[in-house]
Amino acid sequence: MTGRSPQPATIEACPNGPLLVRGDVELVDADGKPIERHRRTVALCRCGTSAIAPFCDGSHKAIGFVTPS
């Protein structure tokens, strides 16, 4: 993701859904290895049922995931 000016990092918690990560952040796995990003904005799973973890696949809708108030 080069060839553009740096973008500030933001994380938005979607109600009953994923975390939306925007901007220049490096995602790493539990071993500290970089996770490749294919988009400027990525949705990270919070419900724990995504088949493409750590990214969201919409599974939260099927299981009725609800975030605490």
PDB file of N, CA and C in Angstrom:
ATOM      1  N   MET A   1       0.835  -1.169   0.000  1.00  0.00           N
ATOM      2  CA  MET A   1       0.000   0.000   0.000  1.00  0.00           C
ATOM      3  C   MET A   1       0.882   1.234   0.000  1.00  0.00           C
ATOM      4  N   THR A   2       1.547   1.435  -1.103  1.00  0.00           N
ATOM      5  CA  THR A   2       2.454   2.564  -1.219  1.00  0.00           C
ATOM      6  C   THR A   2       1.958   3.517  -2.293  1.00  0.00           C
ATOM      7  N   GLY A   3       2.688   4.618  -2.493  1.00  0.00           N
ATOM      8  CA  GLY A   3       2.341   5.556  -3.522  1.00  0.00           C
ATOM      9  C   GLY A   3       1.276   6.567  -3.117  1.00  0.00           C
ATOM     10  N   ARG A   4       1.016   6.687  -1.836  1.00  0.00           N
ATOM     11  CA  ARG A   4       0.039   7.665  -1.359  1.00  0.00           C
ATOM     12  C   ARG A   4       0.546   8.254  -0.058  1.00  0.00           C
ATOM     13  N   SER A   5      -0.042   9.361   0.322  1.00  0.00           N
ATOM     14  CA  SER A   5       0.392  10.007   1.560  1.00  0.00           C
ATOM     15  C   SER A   5      -0.101   9.214   2.770  1.00  0.00           C
ATOM     16  N   PRO A   6       0.628   9.270   3.883  1.00  0.00           N
ATOM     17  CA  PRO A   6       0.224   8.534   5.087  1.00  0.00           C
ATOM     18  C   PRO A   6      -1.168   8.953   5.564  1.00  0.00           C
ATOM     19  N   GLN A   7      -1.903   7.998   6.036  1.00  0.00           N
ATOM     20  CA  GLN A   7      -3.249   8.239   6.550  1.00  0.00           C
ATOM     21  C   GLN A   7      -3.270   7.919   8.038  1.00  0.00           C
ATOM     22  N   PRO A   8      -3.924   8.756   8.854  1.00  0.00           N
ATOM     23  CA  PRO A   8      -3.999   8.461  10.287  1.00  0.00           C
ATOM     24  C   PRO A   8      -4.813   7.187  10.523  1.00  0.00           C
ATOM     25  N   ALA A   9      -4.426   6.449  11.526  1.00  0.00           N
ATOM     26  CA  ALA A   9      -5.113   5.202  11.852  1.00  0.00           C
ATOM     27  C   ALA A   9      -6.350   5.479  12.693  1.00  0.00           C
ATOM     28  N   THR A  10      -7.452   4.813  12.337  1.00  0.00           N
ATOM     29  CA  THR A  10      -8.668   4.871  13.136  1.00  0.00           C
ATOM     30  C   THR A  10      -9.241   3.476  13.256  1.00  0.00           C
ATOM     31  N   ILE A  11      -9.892   3.209  14.381  1.00  0.00           N
ATOM     32  CA  ILE A  11     -10.596   1.950  14.597  1.00  0.00           C
ATOM     33  C   ILE A  11     -11.995   2.300  15.063  1.00  0.00           C
ATOM     34  N   GLU A  12     -12.984   1.792  14.330  1.00  0.00           N
ATOM     35  CA  GLU A  12     -14.380   2.055  14.654  1.00  0.00           C
ATOM     36  C   GLU A  12     -15.067   0.744  15.009  1.00  0.00           C
ATOM     37  N   ALA A  13     -15.669   0.685  16.186  1.00  0.00           N
ATOM     38  CA  ALA A  13     -16.420  -0.495  16.601  1.00  0.00           C
ATOM     39  C   ALA A  13     -17.848  -0.365  16.080  1.00  0.00           C
ATOM     40  N   CYS A  14     -18.211  -1.222  15.150  1.00  0.00           N
ATOM     41  CA  CYS A  14     -19.575  -1.205  14.602  1.00  0.00           C
ATOM     42  C   CYS A  14     -20.510  -1.889  15.585  1.00  0.00           C
ATOM     43  N   PRO A  15     -21.656  -1.298  15.857  1.00  0.00           N
ATOM     44  CA  PRO A  15     -22.606  -1.935  16.777  1.00  0.00           C
ATOM     45  C   PRO A  15     -22.985  -3.331  16.265  1.00  0.00           C
ATOM     46  N   ASN A  16     -22.815  -4.328  17.119  1.00  0.00           N
ATOM     47  CA  ASN A  16     -23.158  -5.720  16.786  1.00  0.00           C
ATOM     48  C   ASN A  16     -22.424  -6.234  15.554  1.00  0.00           C
ATOM     49  N   GLY A  17     -21.237  -5.712  15.318  1.00  0.00           N
ATOM     50  CA  GLY A  17     -20.481  -6.109  14.129  1.00  0.00           C
ATOM     51  C   GLY A  17     -18.988  -6.005  14.333  1.00  0.00           C
ATOM     52  N   PRO A  18     -18.265  -5.867  13.235  1.00  0.00           N
ATOM     53  CA  PRO A  18     -16.800  -5.910  13.286  1.00  0.00           C
ATOM     54  C   PRO A  18     -16.164  -4.600  13.741  1.00  0.00           C
ATOM     55  N   LEU A  19     -14.847  -4.647  13.845  1.00  0.00           N
ATOM     56  CA  LEU A  19     -14.034  -3.450  14.030  1.00  0.00           C
ATOM     57  C   LEU A  19     -13.572  -3.012  12.651  1.00  0.00           C
ATOM     58  N   LEU A  20     -13.826  -1.777  12.286  1.00  0.00           N
ATOM     59  CA  LEU A  20     -13.352  -1.246  11.013  1.00  0.00           C
ATOM     60  C   LEU A  20     -12.033  -0.527  11.262  1.00  0.00           C
ATOM     61  N   VAL A  21     -10.999  -0.965  10.578  1.00  0.00           N
ATOM     62  CA  VAL A  21      -9.658  -0.402  10.737  1.00  0.00           C
ATOM     63  C   VAL A  21      -9.319   0.349   9.457  1.00  0.00           C
ATOM     64  N   ARG A  22      -9.022   1.635   9.618  1.00  0.00           N
ATOM     65  CA  ARG A  22      -8.674   2.484   8.479  1.00  0.00           C
ATOM     66  C   ARG A  22      -7.323   3.133   8.745  1.00  0.00           C
ATOM     67  N   GLY A  23      -6.629   3.446   7.676  1.00  0.00           N
ATOM     68  CA  GLY A  23      -5.374   4.173   7.804  1.00  0.00           C
ATOM     69  C   GLY A  23      -4.167   3.268   7.824  1.00  0.00           C
ATOM     70  N   ASP A  24      -3.057   3.872   8.150  1.00  0.00           N
ATOM     71  CA  ASP A  24      -1.774   3.179   8.099  1.00  0.00           C
ATOM     72  C   ASP A  24      -1.489   2.458   9.409  1.00  0.00           C
ATOM     73  N   VAL A  25      -1.871   1.216   9.455  1.00  0.00           N
ATOM     74  CA  VAL A  25      -1.581   0.340  10.594  1.00  0.00           C
ATOM     75  C   VAL A  25      -1.051  -0.968  10.045  1.00  0.00           C
ATOM     76  N   GLU A  26      -0.197  -1.609  10.807  1.00  0.00           N
ATOM     77  CA  GLU A  26       0.291  -2.923  10.426  1.00  0.00           C
ATOM     78  C   GLU A  26      -0.458  -3.954  11.256  1.00  0.00           C
ATOM     79  N   LEU A  27      -1.086  -4.902  10.584  1.00  0.00           N
ATOM     80  CA  LEU A  27      -1.745  -6.009  11.270  1.00  0.00           C
ATOM     81  C   LEU A  27      -0.761  -7.152  11.387  1.00  0.00           C
ATOM     82  N   VAL A  28      -0.681  -7.754  12.577  1.00  0.00           N
ATOM     83  CA  VAL A  28       0.211  -8.896  12.787  1.00  0.00           C
ATOM     84  C   VAL A  28      -0.567 -10.017  13.472  1.00  0.00           C
ATOM     85  N   ASP A  29      -0.131 -11.266  13.234  1.00  0.00           N
ATOM     86  CA  ASP A  29      -0.778 -12.405  13.879  1.00  0.00           C
ATOM     87  C   ASP A  29      -0.201 -12.626  15.274  1.00  0.00           C
ATOM     88  N   ALA A  30      -0.626 -13.690  15.936  1.00  0.00           N
ATOM     89  CA  ALA A  30      -0.195 -13.972  17.305  1.00  0.00           C
ATOM     90  C   ALA A  30       1.316 -14.184  17.414  1.00  0.00           C
ATOM     91  N   ASP A  31       1.952 -14.559  16.311  1.00  0.00           N
ATOM     92  CA  ASP A  31       3.401 -14.764  16.297  1.00  0.00           C
ATOM     93  C   ASP A  31       4.166 -13.519  15.866  1.00  0.00           C
ATOM     94  N   GLY A  32       3.436 -12.425  15.625  1.00  0.00           N
ATOM     95  CA  GLY A  32       4.083 -11.185  15.217  1.00  0.00           C
ATOM     96  C   GLY A  32       4.358 -11.093  13.728  1.00  0.00           C
ATOM     97  N   LYS A  33       3.849 -12.043  12.953  1.00  0.00           N
ATOM     98  CA  LYS A  33       4.053 -12.025  11.500  1.00  0.00           C
ATOM     99  C   LYS A  33       3.012 -11.113  10.860  1.00  0.00           C
ATOM    100  N   PRO A  34       3.439 -10.290   9.913  1.00  0.00           N
ATOM    101  CA  PRO A  34       2.499  -9.373   9.260  1.00  0.00           C
ATOM    102  C   PRO A  34       1.374 -10.121   8.535  1.00  0.00           C
ATOM    103  N   ILE A  35       0.179  -9.548   8.611  1.00  0.00           N
ATOM    104  CA  ILE A  35      -0.980 -10.054   7.881  1.00  0.00           C
ATOM    105  C   ILE A  35      -1.199  -9.098   6.721  1.00  0.00           C
ATOM    106  N   GLU A  36      -1.199  -9.626   5.516  1.00  0.00           N
ATOM    107  CA  GLU A  36      -1.335  -8.795   4.332  1.00  0.00           C
ATOM    108  C   GLU A  36      -2.728  -8.175   4.240  1.00  0.00           C
ATOM    109  N   ARG A  37      -2.749  -6.890   3.943  1.00  0.00           N
ATOM    110  CA  ARG A  37      -4.006  -6.164   3.724  1.00  0.00           C
ATOM    111  C   ARG A  37      -4.174  -5.941   2.237  1.00  0.00           C
ATOM    112  N   HIS A  38      -5.386  -6.156   1.759  1.00  0.00           N
ATOM    113  CA  HIS A  38      -5.665  -5.940   0.340  1.00  0.00           C
ATOM    114  C   HIS A  38      -6.509  -4.696   0.111  1.00  0.00           C
ATOM    115  N   ARG A  39      -6.956  -4.071   1.208  1.00  0.00           N
ATOM    116  CA  ARG A  39      -7.800  -2.887   1.123  1.00  0.00           C
ATOM    117  C   ARG A  39      -7.338  -1.844   2.126  1.00  0.00           C
ATOM    118  N   ARG A  40      -7.703  -0.606   1.875  1.00  0.00           N
ATOM    119  CA  ARG A  40      -7.341   0.467   2.810  1.00  0.00           C
ATOM    120  C   ARG A  40      -8.144   0.377   4.091  1.00  0.00           C
ATOM    121  N   THR A  41      -9.388  -0.101   4.001  1.00  0.00           N
ATOM    122  CA  THR A  41     -10.232  -0.322   5.174  1.00  0.00           C
ATOM    123  C   THR A  41     -10.472  -1.810   5.303  1.00  0.00           C
ATOM    124  N   VAL A  42     -10.238  -2.346   6.503  1.00  0.00           N
ATOM    125  CA  VAL A  42     -10.495  -3.768   6.735  1.00  0.00           C
ATOM    126  C   VAL A  42     -11.444  -3.924   7.917  1.00  0.00           C
ATOM    127  N   ALA A  43     -12.252  -4.969   7.869  1.00  0.00           N
ATOM    128  CA  ALA A  43     -13.182  -5.281   8.952  1.00  0.00           C
ATOM    129  C   ALA A  43     -12.639  -6.493   9.696  1.00  0.00           C
ATOM    130  N   LEU A  44     -12.402  -6.329  10.988  1.00  0.00           N
ATOM    131  CA  LEU A  44     -11.880  -7.410  11.812  1.00  0.00           C
ATOM    132  C   LEU A  44     -13.003  -8.021  12.639  1.00  0.00           C
ATOM    133  N   CYS A  45     -13.020  -9.344  12.697  1.00  0.00           N
ATOM    134  CA  CYS A  45     -14.054 -10.090  13.405  1.00  0.00           C
ATOM    135  C   CYS A  45     -13.990  -9.844  14.907  1.00  0.00           C
ATOM    136  N   ARG A  46     -15.172  -9.674  15.511  1.00  0.00           N
ATOM    137  CA  ARG A  46     -15.280  -9.586  16.975  1.00  0.00           C
ATOM    138  C   ARG A  46     -16.081 -10.730  17.554  1.00  0.00           C
ATOM    139  N   CYS A  47     -16.806 -11.466  16.706  1.00  0.00           N
ATOM    140  CA  CYS A  47     -17.700 -12.499  17.233  1.00  0.00           C
ATOM    141  C   CYS A  47     -17.010 -13.855  17.399  1.00  0.00           C
ATOM    142  N   GLY A  48     -15.875 -14.044  16.722  1.00  0.00           N
ATOM    143  CA  GLY A  48     -15.128 -15.287  16.860  1.00  0.00           C
ATOM    144  C   GLY A  48     -15.573 -16.420  15.951  1.00  0.00           C
ATOM    145  N   THR A  49     -16.487 -16.170  15.015  1.00  0.00           N
ATOM    146  CA  THR A  49     -16.973 -17.258  14.156  1.00  0.00           C
ATOM    147  C   THR A  49     -16.605 -17.103  12.688  1.00  0.00           C
ATOM    148  N   SER A  50     -15.846 -16.091  12.338  1.00  0.00           N
ATOM    149  CA  SER A  50     -15.488 -15.862  10.943  1.00  0.00           C
ATOM    150  C   SER A  50     -14.633 -17.000  10.392  1.00  0.00           C
ATOM    151  N   ALA A  51     -14.958 -17.423   9.182  1.00  0.00           N
ATOM    152  CA  ALA A  51     -14.173 -18.455   8.504  1.00  0.00           C
ATOM    153  C   ALA A  51     -12.908 -17.874   7.881  1.00  0.00           C
ATOM    154  N   ILE A  52     -12.801 -16.548   7.848  1.00  0.00           N
ATOM    155  CA  ILE A  52     -11.620 -15.911   7.267  1.00  0.00           C
ATOM    156  C   ILE A  52     -10.912 -15.026   8.293  1.00  0.00           C
ATOM    157  N   ALA A  53     -10.964 -15.449   9.547  1.00  0.00           N
ATOM    158  CA  ALA A  53     -10.347 -14.696  10.636  1.00  0.00           C
ATOM    159  C   ALA A  53      -8.903 -14.365  10.286  1.00  0.00           C
ATOM    160  N   PRO A  54      -8.452 -13.197  10.655  1.00  0.00           N
ATOM    161  CA  PRO A  54      -9.029 -12.254  11.588  1.00  0.00           C
ATOM    162  C   PRO A  54     -10.056 -11.318  10.946  1.00  0.00           C
ATOM    163  N   PHE A  55     -10.315 -11.497   9.653  1.00  0.00           N
ATOM    164  CA  PHE A  55     -11.238 -10.615   8.958  1.00  0.00           C
ATOM    165  C   PHE A  55     -12.683 -11.073   9.146  1.00  0.00           C
ATOM    166  N   CYS A  56     -13.599 -10.143   9.052  1.00  0.00           N
ATOM    167  CA  CYS A  56     -15.034 -10.411   9.209  1.00  0.00           C
ATOM    168  C   CYS A  56     -15.597 -10.994   7.913  1.00  0.00           C
ATOM    169  N   ASP A  57     -16.438 -12.002   8.047  1.00  0.00           N
ATOM    170  CA  ASP A  57     -17.134 -12.567   6.882  1.00  0.00           C
ATOM    171  C   ASP A  57     -18.652 -12.440   7.003  1.00  0.00           C
ATOM    172  N   GLY A  58     -19.118 -11.689   7.986  1.00  0.00           N
ATOM    173  CA  GLY A  58     -20.547 -11.488   8.168  1.00  0.00           C
ATOM    174  C   GLY A  58     -21.214 -12.523   9.061  1.00  0.00           C
ATOM    175  N   SER A  59     -20.449 -13.454   9.615  1.00  0.00           N
ATOM    176  CA  SER A  59     -21.010 -14.508  10.467  1.00  0.00           C
ATOM    177  C   SER A  59     -21.744 -13.961  11.680  1.00  0.00           C
ATOM    178  N   HIS A  60     -21.370 -12.770  12.137  1.00  0.00           N
ATOM    179  CA  HIS A  60     -22.007 -12.183  13.316  1.00  0.00           C
ATOM    180  C   HIS A  60     -23.515 -12.044  13.119  1.00  0.00           C
ATOM    181  N   LYS A  61     -23.942 -11.811  11.892  1.00  0.00           N
ATOM    182  CA  LYS A  61     -25.381 -11.678  11.614  1.00  0.00           C
ATOM    183  C   LYS A  61     -26.093 -13.013  11.817  1.00  0.00           C
ATOM    184  N   ALA A  62     -25.490 -14.101  11.330  1.00  0.00           N
ATOM    185  CA  ALA A  62     -26.108 -15.422  11.413  1.00  0.00           C
ATOM    186  C   ALA A  62     -26.232 -15.937  12.836  1.00  0.00           C
ATOM    187  N   ILE A  63     -25.278 -15.547  13.699  1.00  0.00           N
ATOM    188  CA  ILE A  63     -25.325 -16.063  15.081  1.00  0.00           C
ATOM    189  C   ILE A  63     -25.984 -15.092  16.049  1.00  0.00           C
ATOM    190  N   GLY A  64     -26.393 -13.924  15.553  1.00  0.00           N
ATOM    191  CA  GLY A  64     -27.046 -12.948  16.419  1.00  0.00           C
ATOM    192  C   GLY A  64     -26.102 -12.286  17.396  1.00  0.00           C
ATOM    193  N   PHE A  65     -24.856 -12.045  16.972  1.00  0.00           N
ATOM    194  CA  PHE A  65     -23.863 -11.420  17.840  1.00  0.00           C
ATOM    195  C   PHE A  65     -24.345 -10.041  18.298  1.00  0.00           C
ATOM    196  N   VAL A  66     -24.232  -9.789  19.582  1.00  0.00           N
ATOM    197  CA  VAL A  66     -24.641  -8.499  20.157  1.00  0.00           C
ATOM    198  C   VAL A  66     -23.495  -7.987  21.022  1.00  0.00           C
ATOM    199  N   THR A  67     -23.110  -6.746  20.781  1.00  0.00           N
ATOM    200  CA  THR A  67     -22.051  -6.149  21.585  1.00  0.00           C
ATOM    201  C   THR A  67     -22.641  -5.603  22.885  1.00  0.00           C
ATOM    202  N   PRO A  68     -21.833  -5.576  23.935  1.00  0.00           N
ATOM    203  CA  PRO A  68     -22.325  -5.021  25.199  1.00  0.00           C
ATOM    204  C   PRO A  68     -22.638  -3.533  25.043  1.00  0.00           C
ATOM    205  N   SER A  69     -23.580  -3.065  25.833  1.00  0.00           N
ATOM    206  CA  SER A  69     -23.947  -1.634  25.749  1.00  0.00           C
ATOM    207  C   SER A  69     -23.025  -0.784  26.580  1.00  0.00           C
TER     208      SER A  69
END
